[in-house]
């Protein structure tokens, strides 16, 4: 890989910060913030990266919650159908 194709260290730190926030990494973010500030990255740019990463994290969490709720509803419907079948069998006996 040539130097021209290597990303700037500040860009790597911003991507790392964003991925840390989006994945809820417990400690990586503070280190990346310090690196970005050390590189002289504008605070507005850092805030934008943080805002985008948080949005991605929250959207992913919502989708996980929706999928989980759908699985619970499907299991509850299956359980209700089994109970209804059992009640019908008991009533017929």
PDB file of N, CA and C in Angstrom:
ATOM      1  N   UNK A   1       0.847  -1.168   0.000  1.00  0.00           N
ATOM      2  CA  UNK A   1       0.000   0.000   0.000  1.00  0.00           C
ATOM      3  C   UNK A   1       0.895   1.234   0.000  1.00  0.00           C
ATOM      4  N   UNK A   2       0.571   2.187  -0.812  1.00  0.00           N
ATOM      5  CA  UNK A   2       1.370   3.394  -0.889  1.00  0.00           C
ATOM      6  C   UNK A   2       0.896   4.408   0.145  1.00  0.00           C
ATOM      7  N   UNK A   3       1.716   5.395   0.423  1.00  0.00           N
ATOM      8  CA  UNK A   3       1.372   6.436   1.391  1.00  0.00           C
ATOM      9  C   UNK A   3       0.132   7.194   0.944  1.00  0.00           C
ATOM     10  N   UNK A   4      -0.036   7.382  -0.358  1.00  0.00           N
ATOM     11  CA  UNK A   4      -1.197   8.119  -0.856  1.00  0.00           C
ATOM     12  C   UNK A   4      -2.509   7.401  -0.542  1.00  0.00           C
ATOM     13  N   UNK A   5      -2.496   6.092  -0.436  1.00  0.00           N
ATOM     14  CA  UNK A   5      -3.705   5.325  -0.166  1.00  0.00           C
ATOM     15  C   UNK A   5      -3.925   5.068   1.322  1.00  0.00           C
ATOM     16  N   UNK A   6      -3.014   5.505   2.159  1.00  0.00           N
ATOM     17  CA  UNK A   6      -3.134   5.298   3.594  1.00  0.00           C
ATOM     18  C   UNK A   6      -3.965   6.427   4.196  1.00  0.00           C
ATOM     19  N   UNK A   7      -5.006   6.083   4.972  1.00  0.00           N
ATOM     20  CA  UNK A   7      -5.831   7.144   5.542  1.00  0.00           C
ATOM     21  C   UNK A   7      -5.056   7.960   6.574  1.00  0.00           C
ATOM     22  N   UNK A   8      -5.405   9.201   6.662  1.00  0.00           N
ATOM     23  CA  UNK A   8      -4.851  10.125   7.647  1.00  0.00           C
ATOM     24  C   UNK A   8      -5.144   9.583   9.054  1.00  0.00           C
ATOM     25  N   UNK A   9      -4.224   9.774   9.991  1.00  0.00           N
ATOM     26  CA  UNK A   9      -4.395   9.271  11.361  1.00  0.00           C
ATOM     27  C   UNK A   9      -5.640   9.850  12.023  1.00  0.00           C
ATOM     28  N   UNK A  10      -5.979  11.083  11.724  1.00  0.00           N
ATOM     29  CA  UNK A  10      -7.182  11.691  12.308  1.00  0.00           C
ATOM     30  C   UNK A  10      -8.438  11.015  11.782  1.00  0.00           C
ATOM     31  N   UNK A  11      -8.437  10.637  10.512  1.00  0.00           N
ATOM     32  CA  UNK A  11      -9.596   9.936   9.947  1.00  0.00           C
ATOM     33  C   UNK A  11      -9.742   8.576  10.603  1.00  0.00           C
ATOM     34  N   UNK A  12      -8.642   7.877  10.786  1.00  0.00           N
ATOM     35  CA  UNK A  12      -8.681   6.570  11.456  1.00  0.00           C
ATOM     36  C   UNK A  12      -9.216   6.740  12.882  1.00  0.00           C
ATOM     37  N   UNK A  13      -8.771   7.775  13.577  1.00  0.00           N
ATOM     38  CA  UNK A  13      -9.251   8.015  14.937  1.00  0.00           C
ATOM     39  C   UNK A  13     -10.742   8.345  14.951  1.00  0.00           C
ATOM     40  N   UNK A  14     -11.222   9.109  13.954  1.00  0.00           N
ATOM     41  CA  UNK A  14     -12.652   9.426  13.886  1.00  0.00           C
ATOM     42  C   UNK A  14     -13.481   8.173  13.623  1.00  0.00           C
ATOM     43  N   UNK A  15     -13.016   7.329  12.721  1.00  0.00           N
ATOM     44  CA  UNK A  15     -13.722   6.080  12.438  1.00  0.00           C
ATOM     45  C   UNK A  15     -13.725   5.205  13.681  1.00  0.00           C
ATOM     46  N   UNK A  16     -12.604   5.154  14.361  1.00  0.00           N
ATOM     47  CA  UNK A  16     -12.515   4.363  15.585  1.00  0.00           C
ATOM     48  C   UNK A  16     -13.451   4.903  16.661  1.00  0.00           C
ATOM     49  N   UNK A  17     -13.500   6.220  16.809  1.00  0.00           N
ATOM     50  CA  UNK A  17     -14.415   6.832  17.770  1.00  0.00           C
ATOM     51  C   UNK A  17     -15.858   6.486  17.430  1.00  0.00           C
ATOM     52  N   UNK A  18     -16.222   6.643  16.171  1.00  0.00           N
ATOM     53  CA  UNK A  18     -17.596   6.354  15.748  1.00  0.00           C
ATOM     54  C   UNK A  18     -17.954   4.894  15.980  1.00  0.00           C
ATOM     55  N   UNK A  19     -17.055   3.991  15.634  1.00  0.00           N
ATOM     56  CA  UNK A  19     -17.358   2.566  15.825  1.00  0.00           C
ATOM     57  C   UNK A  19     -17.443   2.222  17.304  1.00  0.00           C
ATOM     58  N   UNK A  20     -16.609   2.868  18.122  1.00  0.00           N
ATOM     59  CA  UNK A  20     -16.671   2.629  19.565  1.00  0.00           C
ATOM     60  C   UNK A  20     -17.986   3.077  20.157  1.00  0.00           C
ATOM     61  N   UNK A  21     -18.460   4.241  19.736  1.00  0.00           N
ATOM     62  CA  UNK A  21     -19.744   4.742  20.225  1.00  0.00           C
ATOM     63  C   UNK A  21     -20.884   3.865  19.724  1.00  0.00           C
ATOM     64  N   UNK A  22     -20.876   3.556  18.435  1.00  0.00           N
ATOM     65  CA  UNK A  22     -21.957   2.762  17.847  1.00  0.00           C
ATOM     66  C   UNK A  22     -22.041   1.373  18.462  1.00  0.00           C
ATOM     67  N   UNK A  23     -20.908   0.827  18.902  1.00  0.00           N
ATOM     68  CA  UNK A  23     -20.903  -0.524  19.460  1.00  0.00           C
ATOM     69  C   UNK A  23     -20.951  -0.538  20.985  1.00  0.00           C
ATOM     70  N   UNK A  24     -21.084   0.637  21.600  1.00  0.00           N
ATOM     71  CA  UNK A  24     -21.093   0.750  23.061  1.00  0.00           C
ATOM     72  C   UNK A  24     -19.806   0.255  23.702  1.00  0.00           C
ATOM     73  N   UNK A  25     -18.686   0.419  23.029  1.00  0.00           N
ATOM     74  CA  UNK A  25     -17.398   0.007  23.592  1.00  0.00           C
ATOM     75  C   UNK A  25     -17.142   0.844  24.838  1.00  0.00           C
ATOM     76  N   UNK A  26     -16.852   0.201  25.961  1.00  0.00           N
ATOM     77  CA  UNK A  26     -16.822   0.939  27.225  1.00  0.00           C
ATOM     78  C   UNK A  26     -15.672   1.930  27.412  1.00  0.00           C
ATOM     79  N   UNK A  27     -14.507   1.721  26.787  1.00  0.00           N
ATOM     80  CA  UNK A  27     -13.376   2.587  27.117  1.00  0.00           C
ATOM     81  C   UNK A  27     -12.676   3.220  25.931  1.00  0.00           C
ATOM     82  N   UNK A  28     -12.929   2.748  24.743  1.00  0.00           N
ATOM     83  CA  UNK A  28     -12.175   3.204  23.590  1.00  0.00           C
ATOM     84  C   UNK A  28     -12.422   4.680  23.282  1.00  0.00           C
ATOM     85  N   UNK A  29     -13.580   5.185  23.555  1.00  0.00           N
ATOM     86  CA  UNK A  29     -13.961   6.526  23.098  1.00  0.00           C
ATOM     87  C   UNK A  29     -13.110   7.633  23.695  1.00  0.00           C
ATOM     88  N   UNK A  30     -12.826   7.593  24.974  1.00  0.00           N
ATOM     89  CA  UNK A  30     -12.033   8.654  25.605  1.00  0.00           C
ATOM     90  C   UNK A  30     -10.653   8.744  24.976  1.00  0.00           C
ATOM     91  N   UNK A  31     -10.051   7.614  24.702  1.00  0.00           N
ATOM     92  CA  UNK A  31      -8.732   7.588  24.072  1.00  0.00           C
ATOM     93  C   UNK A  31      -8.778   8.226  22.690  1.00  0.00           C
ATOM     94  N   UNK A  32      -9.794   7.884  21.915  1.00  0.00           N
ATOM     95  CA  UNK A  32      -9.911   8.432  20.570  1.00  0.00           C
ATOM     96  C   UNK A  32     -10.196   9.933  20.604  1.00  0.00           C
ATOM     97  N   UNK A  33     -10.985  10.391  21.581  1.00  0.00           N
ATOM     98  CA  UNK A  33     -11.231  11.829  21.726  1.00  0.00           C
ATOM     99  C   UNK A  33      -9.924  12.572  21.974  1.00  0.00           C
ATOM    100  N   UNK A  34      -9.117  12.030  22.858  1.00  0.00           N
ATOM    101  CA  UNK A  34      -7.822  12.651  23.142  1.00  0.00           C
ATOM    102  C   UNK A  34      -6.939  12.690  21.905  1.00  0.00           C
ATOM    103  N   UNK A  35      -6.938  11.605  21.137  1.00  0.00           N
ATOM    104  CA  UNK A  35      -6.134  11.570  19.912  1.00  0.00           C
ATOM    105  C   UNK A  35      -6.615  12.622  18.920  1.00  0.00           C
ATOM    106  N   UNK A  36      -7.941  12.706  18.738  1.00  0.00           N
ATOM    107  CA  UNK A  36      -8.489  13.678  17.791  1.00  0.00           C
ATOM    108  C   UNK A  36      -8.147  15.113  18.198  1.00  0.00           C
ATOM    109  N   UNK A  37      -8.295  15.393  19.469  1.00  0.00           N
ATOM    110  CA  UNK A  37      -7.952  16.738  19.943  1.00  0.00           C
ATOM    111  C   UNK A  37      -6.464  17.005  19.768  1.00  0.00           C
ATOM    112  N   UNK A  38      -5.655  15.972  20.004  1.00  0.00           N
ATOM    113  CA  UNK A  38      -4.215  16.102  19.798  1.00  0.00           C
ATOM    114  C   UNK A  38      -3.853  16.353  18.345  1.00  0.00           C
ATOM    115  N   UNK A  39      -4.649  15.831  17.423  1.00  0.00           N
ATOM    116  CA  UNK A  39      -4.429  16.062  15.998  1.00  0.00           C
ATOM    117  C   UNK A  39      -4.953  17.435  15.567  1.00  0.00           C
ATOM    118  N   UNK A  40      -5.661  18.120  16.467  1.00  0.00           N
ATOM    119  CA  UNK A  40      -6.200  19.426  16.140  1.00  0.00           C
ATOM    120  C   UNK A  40      -7.514  19.384  15.377  1.00  0.00           C
ATOM    121  N   UNK A  41      -8.237  18.263  15.485  1.00  0.00           N
ATOM    122  CA  UNK A  41      -9.520  18.146  14.793  1.00  0.00           C
ATOM    123  C   UNK A  41     -10.523  19.097  15.451  1.00  0.00           C
ATOM    124  N   UNK A  42     -11.251  19.816  14.640  1.00  0.00           N
ATOM    125  CA  UNK A  42     -12.256  20.779  15.071  1.00  0.00           C
ATOM    126  C   UNK A  42     -13.307  20.102  15.950  1.00  0.00           C
ATOM    127  N   UNK A  43     -13.672  20.750  17.068  1.00  0.00           N
ATOM    128  CA  UNK A  43     -14.666  20.183  17.997  1.00  0.00           C
ATOM    129  C   UNK A  43     -16.026  19.972  17.333  1.00  0.00           C
ATOM    130  N   UNK A  44     -16.389  20.828  16.390  1.00  0.00           N
ATOM    131  CA  UNK A  44     -17.664  20.653  15.684  1.00  0.00           C
ATOM    132  C   UNK A  44     -17.653  19.351  14.880  1.00  0.00           C
ATOM    133  N   UNK A  45     -16.513  19.045  14.281  1.00  0.00           N
ATOM    134  CA  UNK A  45     -16.403  17.807  13.512  1.00  0.00           C
ATOM    135  C   UNK A  45     -16.499  16.599  14.447  1.00  0.00           C
ATOM    136  N   UNK A  46     -15.849  16.692  15.601  1.00  0.00           N
ATOM    137  CA  UNK A  46     -15.911  15.602  16.585  1.00  0.00           C
ATOM    138  C   UNK A  46     -17.357  15.406  17.037  1.00  0.00           C
ATOM    139  N   UNK A  47     -18.056  16.500  17.334  1.00  0.00           N
ATOM    140  CA  UNK A  47     -19.458  16.412  17.764  1.00  0.00           C
ATOM    141  C   UNK A  47     -20.340  15.794  16.680  1.00  0.00           C
ATOM    142  N   UNK A  48     -20.064  16.113  15.431  1.00  0.00           N
ATOM    143  CA  UNK A  48     -20.838  15.530  14.328  1.00  0.00           C
ATOM    144  C   UNK A  48     -20.627  14.025  14.267  1.00  0.00           C
ATOM    145  N   UNK A  49     -19.389  13.584  14.410  1.00  0.00           N
ATOM    146  CA  UNK A  49     -19.086  12.146  14.410  1.00  0.00           C
ATOM    147  C   UNK A  49     -19.808  11.463  15.563  1.00  0.00           C
ATOM    148  N   UNK A  50     -19.773  12.079  16.731  1.00  0.00           N
ATOM    149  CA  UNK A  50     -20.443  11.501  17.905  1.00  0.00           C
ATOM    150  C   UNK A  50     -21.949  11.410  17.673  1.00  0.00           C
ATOM    151  N   UNK A  51     -22.530  12.468  17.138  1.00  0.00           N
ATOM    152  CA  UNK A  51     -23.975  12.477  16.876  1.00  0.00           C
ATOM    153  C   UNK A  51     -24.377  11.383  15.889  1.00  0.00           C
ATOM    154  N   UNK A  52     -23.626  11.237  14.821  1.00  0.00           N
ATOM    155  CA  UNK A  52     -23.924  10.195  13.819  1.00  0.00           C
ATOM    156  C   UNK A  52     -23.797   8.811  14.434  1.00  0.00           C
ATOM    157  N   UNK A  53     -22.725   8.588  15.183  1.00  0.00           N
ATOM    158  CA  UNK A  53     -22.507   7.271  15.795  1.00  0.00           C
ATOM    159  C   UNK A  53     -23.613   6.925  16.787  1.00  0.00           C
ATOM    160  N   UNK A  54     -24.022   7.902  17.576  1.00  0.00           N
ATOM    161  CA  UNK A  54     -25.114   7.661  18.534  1.00  0.00           C
ATOM    162  C   UNK A  54     -26.415   7.341  17.806  1.00  0.00           C
ATOM    163  N   UNK A  55     -26.672   8.030  16.709  1.00  0.00           N
ATOM    164  CA  UNK A  55     -27.871   7.762  15.926  1.00  0.00           C
ATOM    165  C   UNK A  55     -27.849   6.321  15.399  1.00  0.00           C
ATOM    166  N   UNK A  56     -26.721   5.903  14.879  1.00  0.00           N
ATOM    167  CA  UNK A  56     -26.589   4.532  14.373  1.00  0.00           C
ATOM    168  C   UNK A  56     -26.819   3.532  15.500  1.00  0.00           C
ATOM    169  N   UNK A  57     -26.219   3.788  16.667  1.00  0.00           N
ATOM    170  CA  UNK A  57     -26.372   2.886  17.811  1.00  0.00           C
ATOM    171  C   UNK A  57     -27.831   2.793  18.232  1.00  0.00           C
ATOM    172  N   UNK A  58     -28.507   3.935  18.320  1.00  0.00           N
ATOM    173  CA  UNK A  58     -29.905   3.943  18.757  1.00  0.00           C
ATOM    174  C   UNK A  58     -30.817   3.273  17.742  1.00  0.00           C
ATOM    175  N   UNK A  59     -30.554   3.499  16.465  1.00  0.00           N
ATOM    176  CA  UNK A  59     -31.367   2.864  15.423  1.00  0.00           C
ATOM    177  C   UNK A  59     -31.190   1.345  15.451  1.00  0.00           C
ATOM    178  N   UNK A  60     -29.962   0.893  15.643  1.00  0.00           N
ATOM    179  CA  UNK A  60     -29.710  -0.557  15.722  1.00  0.00           C
ATOM    180  C   UNK A  60     -30.409  -1.152  16.935  1.00  0.00           C
ATOM    181  N   UNK A  61     -30.361  -0.454  18.066  1.00  0.00           N
ATOM    182  CA  UNK A  61     -31.017  -0.949  19.280  1.00  0.00           C
ATOM    183  C   UNK A  61     -32.525  -1.049  19.081  1.00  0.00           C
ATOM    184  N   UNK A  62     -33.109  -0.063  18.410  1.00  0.00           N
ATOM    185  CA  UNK A  62     -34.548  -0.109  18.130  1.00  0.00           C
ATOM    186  C   UNK A  62     -34.903  -1.323  17.282  1.00  0.00           C
ATOM    187  N   UNK A  63     -34.098  -1.590  16.273  1.00  0.00           N
ATOM    188  CA  UNK A  63     -34.382  -2.726  15.394  1.00  0.00           C
ATOM    189  C   UNK A  63     -34.241  -4.047  16.140  1.00  0.00           C
ATOM    190  N   UNK A  64     -33.259  -4.135  17.027  1.00  0.00           N
ATOM    191  CA  UNK A  64     -33.094  -5.344  17.840  1.00  0.00           C
ATOM    192  C   UNK A  64     -34.311  -5.522  18.741  1.00  0.00           C
ATOM    193  N   UNK A  65     -34.776  -4.426  19.365  1.00  0.00           N
ATOM    194  CA  UNK A  65     -35.947  -4.494  20.237  1.00  0.00           C
ATOM    195  C   UNK A  65     -37.189  -4.922  19.469  1.00  0.00           C
ATOM    196  N   UNK A  66     -37.374  -4.374  18.276  1.00  0.00           N
ATOM    197  CA  UNK A  66     -38.535  -4.739  17.455  1.00  0.00           C
ATOM    198  C   UNK A  66     -38.490  -6.226  17.113  1.00  0.00           C
ATOM    199  N   UNK A  67     -37.314  -6.704  16.703  1.00  0.00           N
ATOM    200  CA  UNK A  67     -37.187  -8.122  16.355  1.00  0.00           C
ATOM    201  C   UNK A  67     -37.463  -9.002  17.570  1.00  0.00           C
ATOM    202  N   UNK A  68     -36.951  -8.610  18.722  1.00  0.00           N
ATOM    203  CA  UNK A  68     -37.183  -9.375  19.945  1.00  0.00           C
ATOM    204  C   UNK A  68     -38.664  -9.398  20.289  1.00  0.00           C
ATOM    205  N   UNK A  69     -39.329  -8.239  20.190  1.00  0.00           N
ATOM    206  CA  UNK A  69     -40.769  -8.177  20.471  1.00  0.00           C
ATOM    207  C   UNK A  69     -41.562  -9.066  19.515  1.00  0.00           C
ATOM    208  N   UNK A  70     -41.155  -9.118  18.255  1.00  0.00           N
ATOM    209  CA  UNK A  70     -41.826  -9.980  17.274  1.00  0.00           C
ATOM    210  C   UNK A  70     -41.639 -11.453  17.634  1.00  0.00           C
ATOM    211  N   UNK A  71     -40.449 -11.812  18.099  1.00  0.00           N
ATOM    212  CA  UNK A  71     -40.208 -13.191  18.507  1.00  0.00           C
ATOM    213  C   UNK A  71     -41.057 -13.563  19.711  1.00  0.00           C
ATOM    214  N   UNK A  72     -41.174 -12.656  20.666  1.00  0.00           N
ATOM    215  CA  UNK A  72     -42.012 -12.904  21.845  1.00  0.00           C
ATOM    216  C   UNK A  72     -43.471 -13.072  21.427  1.00  0.00           C
ATOM    217  N   UNK A  73     -43.950 -12.213  20.551  1.00  0.00           N
ATOM    218  CA  UNK A  73     -45.342 -12.291  20.091  1.00  0.00           C
ATOM    219  C   UNK A  73     -45.595 -13.618  19.381  1.00  0.00           C
ATOM    220  N   UNK A  74     -44.650 -14.059  18.572  1.00  0.00           N
ATOM    221  CA  UNK A  74     -44.805 -15.334  17.863  1.00  0.00           C
ATOM    222  C   UNK A  74     -44.831 -16.498  18.852  1.00  0.00           C
ATOM    223  N   UNK A  75     -43.968 -16.454  19.841  1.00  0.00           N
ATOM    224  CA  UNK A  75     -43.959 -17.519  20.847  1.00  0.00           C
ATOM    225  C   UNK A  75     -45.245 -17.512  21.664  1.00  0.00           C
ATOM    226  N   UNK A  76     -45.733 -16.327  22.004  1.00  0.00           N
ATOM    227  CA  UNK A  76     -46.986 -16.233  22.760  1.00  0.00           C
ATOM    228  C   UNK A  76     -48.163 -16.771  21.948  1.00  0.00           C
ATOM    229  N   UNK A  77     -48.185 -16.468  20.646  1.00  0.00           N
ATOM    230  CA  UNK A  77     -49.252 -16.975  19.779  1.00  0.00           C
ATOM    231  C   UNK A  77     -49.176 -18.495  19.678  1.00  0.00           C
ATOM    232  N   UNK A  78     -47.970 -19.014  19.580  1.00  0.00           N
ATOM    233  CA  UNK A  78     -47.786 -20.475  19.503  1.00  0.00           C
ATOM    234  C   UNK A  78     -48.242 -21.129  20.808  1.00  0.00           C
ATOM    235  N   UNK A  79     -47.908 -20.528  21.929  1.00  0.00           N
ATOM    236  CA  UNK A  79     -48.316 -21.052  23.228  1.00  0.00           C
ATOM    237  C   UNK A  79     -49.837 -21.014  23.371  1.00  0.00           C
ATOM    238  N   UNK A  80     -50.442 -19.922  22.954  1.00  0.00           N
ATOM    239  CA  UNK A  80     -51.899 -19.797  23.033  1.00  0.00           C
ATOM    240  C   UNK A  80     -52.578 -20.854  22.168  1.00  0.00           C
ATOM    241  N   UNK A  81     -52.037 -21.125  20.987  1.00  0.00           N
ATOM    242  CA  UNK A  81     -52.603 -22.147  20.102  1.00  0.00           C
ATOM    243  C   UNK A  81     -52.485 -23.527  20.742  1.00  0.00           C
ATOM    244  N   UNK A  82     -51.353 -23.797  21.372  1.00  0.00           N
ATOM    245  CA  UNK A  82     -51.167 -25.096  22.036  1.00  0.00           C
ATOM    246  C   UNK A  82     -52.139 -25.247  23.196  1.00  0.00           C
ATOM    247  N   UNK A  83     -52.335 -24.172  23.968  1.00  0.00           N
ATOM    248  CA  UNK A  83     -53.267 -24.226  25.093  1.00  0.00           C
ATOM    249  C   UNK A  83     -54.700 -24.425  24.606  1.00  0.00           C
ATOM    250  N   UNK A  84     -55.067 -23.770  23.507  1.00  0.00           N
ATOM    251  CA  UNK A  84     -56.410 -23.932  22.954  1.00  0.00           C
ATOM    252  C   UNK A  84     -56.622 -25.361  22.478  1.00  0.00           C
ATOM    253  N   UNK A  85     -55.615 -25.928  21.860  1.00  0.00           N
ATOM    254  CA  UNK A  85     -55.708 -27.317  21.400  1.00  0.00           C
ATOM    255  C   UNK A  85     -55.871 -28.255  22.586  1.00  0.00           C
ATOM    256  N   UNK A  86     -55.120 -28.027  23.637  1.00  0.00           N
ATOM    257  CA  UNK A  86     -55.210 -28.858  24.845  1.00  0.00           C
ATOM    258  C   UNK A  86     -56.586 -28.728  25.493  1.00  0.00           C
ATOM    259  N   UNK A  87     -57.119 -27.506  25.553  1.00  0.00           N
ATOM    260  CA  UNK A  87     -58.454 -27.304  26.140  1.00  0.00           C
ATOM    261  C   UNK A  87     -59.515 -28.028  25.317  1.00  0.00           C
ATOM    262  N   UNK A  88     -59.396 -27.977  23.991  1.00  0.00           N
ATOM    263  CA  UNK A  88     -60.363 -28.667  23.133  1.00  0.00           C
ATOM    264  C   UNK A  88     -60.266 -30.174  23.330  1.00  0.00           C
ATOM    265  N   UNK A  89     -59.066 -30.691  23.477  1.00  0.00           N
ATOM    266  CA  UNK A  89     -58.886 -32.121  23.696  1.00  0.00           C
ATOM    267  C   UNK A  89     -59.468 -32.546  25.037  1.00  0.00           C
ATOM    268  N   UNK A  90     -59.273 -31.722  26.045  1.00  0.00           N
ATOM    269  CA  UNK A  90     -59.815 -32.025  27.384  1.00  0.00           C
ATOM    270  C   UNK A  90     -61.350 -31.946  27.379  1.00  0.00           C
ATOM    271  N   UNK A  91     -61.898 -31.000  26.647  1.00  0.00           N
ATOM    272  CA  UNK A  91     -63.357 -30.858  26.579  1.00  0.00           C
ATOM    273  C   UNK A  91     -63.988 -32.026  25.818  1.00  0.00           C
ATOM    274  N   UNK A  92     -63.275 -32.557  24.842  1.00  0.00           N
ATOM    275  CA  UNK A  92     -63.806 -33.658  24.053  1.00  0.00           C
ATOM    276  C   UNK A  92     -63.733 -34.979  24.827  1.00  0.00           C
ATOM    277  N   UNK A  93     -62.869 -35.054  25.826  1.00  0.00           N
ATOM    278  CA  UNK A  93     -62.675 -36.293  26.579  1.00  0.00           C
ATOM    279  C   UNK A  93     -63.725 -36.530  27.615  1.00  0.00           C
TER     280      UNK A  93
END
